[in-house]
């Protein structure tokens, strides 16, 4: 499964808006991914002071990835190009990268964003 940035933040806050079932699935999943684009989103929110972290974003990510045993899913050319070819349902380019990654890697996305379902990918929250 692939965590949307909001799901990553909820996970780090003890679950937040994630259901107990999804939290359990995350704990039991052999691999849980976070898109590299989430690093960009977290960094932007931090710099704009819309997100308070206990450490700088790069250090925070290292701690969170290790603590929750997450894997970074890199952005490659195929994902970047596919994100531009998606129907113009979602306007957020970061979310489009996550959607393209999920589609190309056949992953369910943990997200609270209902628009993701309109792309025909499996979502959980």
C-alpha atoms as a PDB file:
ATOM      1  CA  UNK A   1       0.000   0.000   0.000  1.00  0.00           C
ATOM      2  CA  UNK A   2       1.009   3.617  -0.545  1.00  0.00           C
ATOM      3  CA  UNK A   3       0.435   6.358   2.006  1.00  0.00           C
ATOM      4  CA  UNK A   4      -0.800   9.721   0.782  1.00  0.00           C
ATOM      5  CA  UNK A   5       0.949  12.598   2.533  1.00  0.00           C
ATOM      6  CA  UNK A   6      -2.057  13.242   4.774  1.00  0.00           C
ATOM      7  CA  UNK A   7      -2.094   9.557   5.770  1.00  0.00           C
ATOM      8  CA  UNK A   8       1.616   9.713   6.560  1.00  0.00           C
ATOM      9  CA  UNK A   9       1.028  12.692   8.845  1.00  0.00           C
ATOM     10  CA  UNK A  10      -1.930  10.966  10.526  1.00  0.00           C
ATOM     11  CA  UNK A  11       0.152   7.836  11.077  1.00  0.00           C
ATOM     12  CA  UNK A  12       2.878   9.859  12.774  1.00  0.00           C
ATOM     13  CA  UNK A  13       0.267  11.408  15.055  1.00  0.00           C
ATOM     14  CA  UNK A  14      -0.908   8.039  16.330  1.00  0.00           C
ATOM     15  CA  UNK A  15      -3.511   7.343  13.660  1.00  0.00           C
ATOM     16  CA  UNK A  16      -5.386  10.606  13.354  1.00  0.00           C
ATOM     17  CA  UNK A  17      -8.217  10.126  10.879  1.00  0.00           C
ATOM     18  CA  UNK A  18      -7.126   6.614   9.911  1.00  0.00           C
ATOM     19  CA  UNK A  19      -9.540   3.864  10.879  1.00  0.00           C
ATOM     20  CA  UNK A  20      -8.437   1.233  13.358  1.00  0.00           C
ATOM     21  CA  UNK A  21      -8.674  -1.331  10.549  1.00  0.00           C
ATOM     22  CA  UNK A  22      -6.322   0.660   8.291  1.00  0.00           C
ATOM     23  CA  UNK A  23      -3.863   1.214  11.134  1.00  0.00           C
ATOM     24  CA  UNK A  24      -3.840  -2.545  11.713  1.00  0.00           C
ATOM     25  CA  UNK A  25      -3.327  -3.213   7.991  1.00  0.00           C
ATOM     26  CA  UNK A  26      -0.398  -0.782   7.933  1.00  0.00           C
ATOM     27  CA  UNK A  27       1.197  -2.565  10.895  1.00  0.00           C
ATOM     28  CA  UNK A  28       0.725  -5.978   9.269  1.00  0.00           C
ATOM     29  CA  UNK A  29       1.603  -5.103   5.668  1.00  0.00           C
ATOM     30  CA  UNK A  30       4.892  -6.546   4.441  1.00  0.00           C
ATOM     31  CA  UNK A  31       5.730  -3.251   2.701  1.00  0.00           C
ATOM     32  CA  UNK A  32       4.196   0.189   3.129  1.00  0.00           C
ATOM     33  CA  UNK A  33       5.359   2.891   0.747  1.00  0.00           C
ATOM     34  CA  UNK A  34       5.565   6.663   0.937  1.00  0.00           C
ATOM     35  CA  UNK A  35       6.058   8.548  -2.307  1.00  0.00           C
ATOM     36  CA  UNK A  36       9.145  10.727  -2.587  1.00  0.00           C
ATOM     37  CA  UNK A  37       6.760  13.565  -3.495  1.00  0.00           C
ATOM     38  CA  UNK A  38       5.548  13.492   0.119  1.00  0.00           C
ATOM     39  CA  UNK A  39       8.981  14.807   1.096  1.00  0.00           C
ATOM     40  CA  UNK A  40       8.347  17.775  -1.175  1.00  0.00           C
ATOM     41  CA  UNK A  41       4.868  18.363   0.284  1.00  0.00           C
ATOM     42  CA  UNK A  42       6.062  18.126   3.885  1.00  0.00           C
ATOM     43  CA  UNK A  43       9.011  20.419   3.144  1.00  0.00           C
ATOM     44  CA  UNK A  44       6.790  23.054   1.510  1.00  0.00           C
ATOM     45  CA  UNK A  45       4.259  22.977   4.369  1.00  0.00           C
ATOM     46  CA  UNK A  46       7.091  23.247   6.890  1.00  0.00           C
ATOM     47  CA  UNK A  47       8.714  26.206   5.101  1.00  0.00           C
ATOM     48  CA  UNK A  48       5.362  28.012   4.870  1.00  0.00           C
ATOM     49  CA  UNK A  49       4.864  27.313   8.591  1.00  0.00           C
ATOM     50  CA  UNK A  50       1.692  25.342   7.893  1.00  0.00           C
ATOM     51  CA  UNK A  51       3.250  22.280   9.509  1.00  0.00           C
ATOM     52  CA  UNK A  52       5.185  22.114  12.757  1.00  0.00           C
ATOM     53  CA  UNK A  53       7.682  19.286  13.074  1.00  0.00           C
ATOM     54  CA  UNK A  54       9.950  18.352  15.983  1.00  0.00           C
ATOM     55  CA  UNK A  55      12.934  18.353  13.579  1.00  0.00           C
ATOM     56  CA  UNK A  56      13.891  19.622  10.144  1.00  0.00           C
ATOM     57  CA  UNK A  57      11.960  17.799   7.389  1.00  0.00           C
ATOM     58  CA  UNK A  58      14.930  15.679   6.215  1.00  0.00           C
ATOM     59  CA  UNK A  59      15.700  14.533   9.766  1.00  0.00           C
ATOM     60  CA  UNK A  60      12.007  14.042  10.556  1.00  0.00           C
ATOM     61  CA  UNK A  61      11.582  11.825   7.502  1.00  0.00           C
ATOM     62  CA  UNK A  62      14.549   9.644   8.412  1.00  0.00           C
ATOM     63  CA  UNK A  63      13.112   9.089  11.893  1.00  0.00           C
ATOM     64  CA  UNK A  64       9.555   8.439  10.665  1.00  0.00           C
ATOM     65  CA  UNK A  65      10.636   6.060   7.899  1.00  0.00           C
ATOM     66  CA  UNK A  66      12.689   4.001  10.326  1.00  0.00           C
ATOM     67  CA  UNK A  67      10.151   4.098  13.190  1.00  0.00           C
ATOM     68  CA  UNK A  68       7.225   2.974  11.008  1.00  0.00           C
ATOM     69  CA  UNK A  69       9.317   0.684   8.769  1.00  0.00           C
ATOM     70  CA  UNK A  70       8.256   2.524   5.601  1.00  0.00           C
ATOM     71  CA  UNK A  71       9.818   2.369   2.159  1.00  0.00           C
ATOM     72  CA  UNK A  72      10.293   5.397  -0.078  1.00  0.00           C
ATOM     73  CA  UNK A  73       8.784   4.950  -3.527  1.00  0.00           C
ATOM     74  CA  UNK A  74      10.912   7.101  -5.840  1.00  0.00           C
ATOM     75  CA  UNK A  75       9.545   9.186  -8.673  1.00  0.00           C
ATOM     76  CA  UNK A  76      10.768   8.006 -12.025  1.00  0.00           C
ATOM     77  CA  UNK A  77      10.199   9.258 -15.545  1.00  0.00           C
ATOM     78  CA  UNK A  78       7.298   6.880 -16.138  1.00  0.00           C
ATOM     79  CA  UNK A  79       5.444   8.139 -13.031  1.00  0.00           C
ATOM     80  CA  UNK A  80       6.116  11.773 -13.866  1.00  0.00           C
ATOM     81  CA  UNK A  81       4.851  11.411 -17.432  1.00  0.00           C
ATOM     82  CA  UNK A  82       1.844   9.305 -16.405  1.00  0.00           C
ATOM     83  CA  UNK A  83       0.822  11.965 -13.872  1.00  0.00           C
ATOM     84  CA  UNK A  84       0.462  14.438 -16.768  1.00  0.00           C
ATOM     85  CA  UNK A  85      -1.698  11.992 -18.744  1.00  0.00           C
ATOM     86  CA  UNK A  86      -4.261  11.382 -16.014  1.00  0.00           C
ATOM     87  CA  UNK A  87      -7.734  12.835 -16.544  1.00  0.00           C
ATOM     88  CA  UNK A  88      -7.959  16.359 -15.135  1.00  0.00           C
ATOM     89  CA  UNK A  89     -10.037  15.290 -12.142  1.00  0.00           C
ATOM     90  CA  UNK A  90      -7.488  16.252  -9.485  1.00  0.00           C
ATOM     91  CA  UNK A  91      -5.603  19.545  -9.800  1.00  0.00           C
ATOM     92  CA  UNK A  92      -2.929  18.915  -7.180  1.00  0.00           C
ATOM     93  CA  UNK A  93       0.252  17.824  -9.007  1.00  0.00           C
ATOM     94  CA  UNK A  94       1.605  16.053  -5.915  1.00  0.00           C
ATOM     95  CA  UNK A  95      -1.542  13.970  -5.577  1.00  0.00           C
ATOM     96  CA  UNK A  96      -1.412  13.219  -9.306  1.00  0.00           C
ATOM     97  CA  UNK A  97       2.114  11.823  -8.780  1.00  0.00           C
ATOM     98  CA  UNK A  98       0.832   9.612  -5.963  1.00  0.00           C
ATOM     99  CA  UNK A  99      -2.107   8.456  -8.091  1.00  0.00           C
ATOM    100  CA  UNK A 100       0.199   7.673 -11.040  1.00  0.00           C
ATOM    101  CA  UNK A 101       2.563   5.774  -8.728  1.00  0.00           C
ATOM    102  CA  UNK A 102      -0.308   3.727  -7.303  1.00  0.00           C
ATOM    103  CA  UNK A 103      -1.647   2.966 -10.754  1.00  0.00           C
ATOM    104  CA  UNK A 104       1.706   1.937 -12.233  1.00  0.00           C
ATOM    105  CA  UNK A 105       2.793  -0.106  -9.198  1.00  0.00           C
ATOM    106  CA  UNK A 106      -0.677  -1.591  -8.550  1.00  0.00           C
ATOM    107  CA  UNK A 107      -0.912  -0.241  -5.008  1.00  0.00           C
ATOM    108  CA  UNK A 108      -3.872   0.782  -2.868  1.00  0.00           C
ATOM    109  CA  UNK A 109      -3.595   4.327  -1.519  1.00  0.00           C
ATOM    110  CA  UNK A 110      -4.289   5.223   2.094  1.00  0.00           C
ATOM    111  CA  UNK A 111      -5.897   8.650   1.843  1.00  0.00           C
ATOM    112  CA  UNK A 112      -8.783  10.727   3.069  1.00  0.00           C
ATOM    113  CA  UNK A 113      -9.140  12.334  -0.372  1.00  0.00           C
ATOM    114  CA  UNK A 114     -12.291  10.990  -2.059  1.00  0.00           C
ATOM    115  CA  UNK A 115     -11.106  12.194  -5.488  1.00  0.00           C
ATOM    116  CA  UNK A 116      -8.504   9.398  -5.645  1.00  0.00           C
ATOM    117  CA  UNK A 117     -11.296   6.810  -6.141  1.00  0.00           C
ATOM    118  CA  UNK A 118     -12.384   8.572  -9.336  1.00  0.00           C
ATOM    119  CA  UNK A 119      -9.159   7.340 -10.936  1.00  0.00           C
ATOM    120  CA  UNK A 120     -10.150   3.719 -10.402  1.00  0.00           C
ATOM    121  CA  UNK A 121      -7.508   2.954  -7.804  1.00  0.00           C
ATOM    122  CA  UNK A 122      -8.228   1.197  -4.533  1.00  0.00           C
ATOM    123  CA  UNK A 123      -8.269   3.534  -1.535  1.00  0.00           C
ATOM    124  CA  UNK A 124      -8.362   3.007   2.212  1.00  0.00           C
ATOM    125  CA  UNK A 125      -8.810   5.387   5.112  1.00  0.00           C
END
